[in-house]
Amino acid sequence: MCKALIDGASETLVIPAPVLVEADYLLRRWLHAGLSLHLLDDIVNGAFEVESVEPVDYPRIRELCARYEDSDLGFVDASVVAIAERLGEDKIATLDHRHFGMIRPRHIDAFRLLPE
């Protein structure tokens, strides 16, 4: 499902930098450390663009963490939203539909969550 989504993408795939830390942890803990190296190879070879958290994103990240505090929305998910808003993106690739489905972005009514 996720591989097909990535393989079928015709646009630039952006990974928010904080997601890389989470991905590295999950890959190493649950699968194989070598997969982290493959992800880094893909980044080096241009398969993904890494988007850093900019100073302008931090107030929005804080706002989101406070607004959705009862839902345990953390820094990484809030940074994904803040970066998507800054980039004017309307879709997010995630398996966490619970968190991202409840968030109301500033620039659109709701994110389109992929895979659908």
Protein backbone atom coordinates (compact mmCIF):
# COMPACT_ATOMS: atom_id res chain seq x y z
CA MET A 1 0.00 0.00 0.00
CA CYS A 2 2.66 2.57 1.03
CA LYS A 3 5.19 1.37 -1.54
CA ALA A 4 2.57 1.63 -4.29
CA LEU A 5 1.77 5.18 -3.20
CA ILE A 6 5.43 6.20 -3.38
CA ASP A 7 6.09 4.33 -6.63
CA GLY A 8 3.02 5.87 -8.24
CA ALA A 9 3.77 9.46 -7.24
CA SER A 10 4.31 11.87 -10.11
CA GLU A 11 5.21 14.87 -7.97
CA THR A 12 8.07 15.71 -5.65
CA LEU A 13 7.79 13.76 -2.41
CA VAL A 14 8.56 15.90 0.62
CA ILE A 15 9.56 14.48 3.99
CA PRO A 16 9.45 16.91 6.92
CA ALA A 17 12.83 16.64 8.68
CA PRO A 18 11.35 15.61 12.07
CA VAL A 19 9.72 12.61 10.38
CA LEU A 20 13.17 11.25 9.49
CA VAL A 21 14.01 10.81 13.17
CA GLU A 22 10.77 8.92 13.75
CA ALA A 23 11.24 6.82 10.58
CA ASP A 24 14.79 5.90 11.55
CA TYR A 25 13.64 4.78 15.00
CA LEU A 26 10.77 2.68 13.64
CA LEU A 27 12.83 1.10 10.88
CA ARG A 28 15.61 0.14 13.28
CA ARG A 29 13.29 -1.06 16.04
CA TRP A 30 10.76 -3.06 14.04
CA LEU A 31 12.42 -3.98 10.77
CA HIS A 32 16.11 -3.71 9.94
CA ALA A 33 18.75 -1.02 10.40
CA GLY A 34 19.77 -1.38 6.76
CA LEU A 35 16.41 0.06 5.72
CA SER A 36 17.42 3.39 7.27
CA LEU A 37 20.43 3.36 4.96
CA HIS A 38 18.16 2.74 1.97
CA LEU A 39 16.02 5.71 2.98
CA LEU A 40 19.12 7.90 3.22
CA ASP A 41 20.29 6.62 -0.16
CA ASP A 42 16.92 7.59 -1.63
CA ILE A 43 17.24 11.08 -0.16
CA VAL A 44 20.79 11.48 -1.46
CA ASN A 45 19.66 10.30 -4.91
CA GLY A 46 16.79 12.80 -5.01
CA ALA A 47 13.83 10.49 -4.52
CA PHE A 48 12.64 12.66 -1.63
CA GLU A 49 13.05 16.31 -0.71
CA VAL A 50 13.61 16.97 2.99
CA GLU A 51 11.86 20.08 4.30
CA SER A 52 13.22 21.60 7.50
CA VAL A 53 11.15 23.23 10.18
CA GLU A 54 11.51 26.97 9.66
CA PRO A 55 11.34 29.59 12.43
CA VAL A 56 7.92 30.67 11.10
CA ASP A 57 6.60 27.12 11.74
CA TYR A 58 7.21 27.02 15.49
CA PRO A 59 4.31 29.24 16.58
CA ARG A 60 1.93 27.11 14.51
CA ILE A 61 3.44 23.88 15.87
CA ARG A 62 2.92 25.17 19.40
CA GLU A 63 -0.64 26.25 18.58
CA LEU A 64 -1.47 22.81 17.18
CA CYS A 65 0.09 20.96 20.14
CA ALA A 66 -1.95 23.09 22.55
CA ARG A 67 -5.19 22.89 20.57
CA TYR A 68 -5.04 19.11 20.22
CA GLU A 69 -3.35 18.40 23.57
CA ASP A 70 -6.14 16.07 24.68
CA SER A 71 -5.56 13.97 21.56
CA ASP A 72 -1.85 13.60 22.29
CA LEU A 73 -0.78 15.36 19.09
CA GLY A 74 3.00 15.62 19.30
CA PHE A 75 5.72 17.76 17.81
CA VAL A 76 6.34 15.57 14.76
CA ASP A 77 2.70 15.47 13.63
CA ALA A 78 2.26 19.19 14.34
CA SER A 79 5.39 19.96 12.33
CA VAL A 80 4.01 17.95 9.39
CA VAL A 81 0.87 20.11 9.48
CA ALA A 82 2.78 23.38 9.83
CA ILE A 83 5.07 22.52 6.93
CA ALA A 84 2.18 21.36 4.75
CA GLU A 85 0.36 24.62 5.45
CA ARG A 86 3.46 26.70 4.64
CA LEU A 87 3.94 24.81 1.37
CA GLY A 88 0.23 25.05 0.49
CA GLU A 89 -0.02 21.26 0.34
CA ASP A 90 -3.47 19.69 0.45
CA LYS A 91 -2.50 16.06 1.01
CA ILE A 92 -0.46 14.11 3.52
CA ALA A 93 0.79 10.55 3.22
CA THR A 94 0.23 8.89 6.59
CA LEU A 95 -1.07 5.79 8.27
CA ASP A 96 -2.15 7.95 11.22
CA HIS A 97 -5.59 8.97 9.98
CA ARG A 98 -6.79 9.46 13.56
CA HIS A 99 -4.54 12.45 14.26
CA PHE A 100 -4.41 13.98 10.81
CA GLY A 101 -8.11 13.44 10.18
CA MET A 102 -9.12 15.62 13.13
CA ILE A 103 -6.81 18.53 12.33
CA ARG A 104 -8.30 21.55 10.61
CA PRO A 105 -5.59 23.18 8.51
CA ARG A 106 -5.58 26.92 7.94
CA HIS A 107 -5.50 26.88 4.15
CA ILE A 108 -8.10 24.19 3.31
CA ASP A 109 -11.06 22.48 4.98
CA ALA A 110 -9.22 19.19 5.54
CA PHE A 111 -6.18 17.33 4.32
CA ARG A 112 -6.58 14.52 1.82
CA LEU A 113 -4.98 11.58 3.62
CA LEU A 114 -3.08 9.06 1.52
CA PRO A 115 -3.33 6.17 1.08
CA GLU A 116 -7.09 6.52 0.98
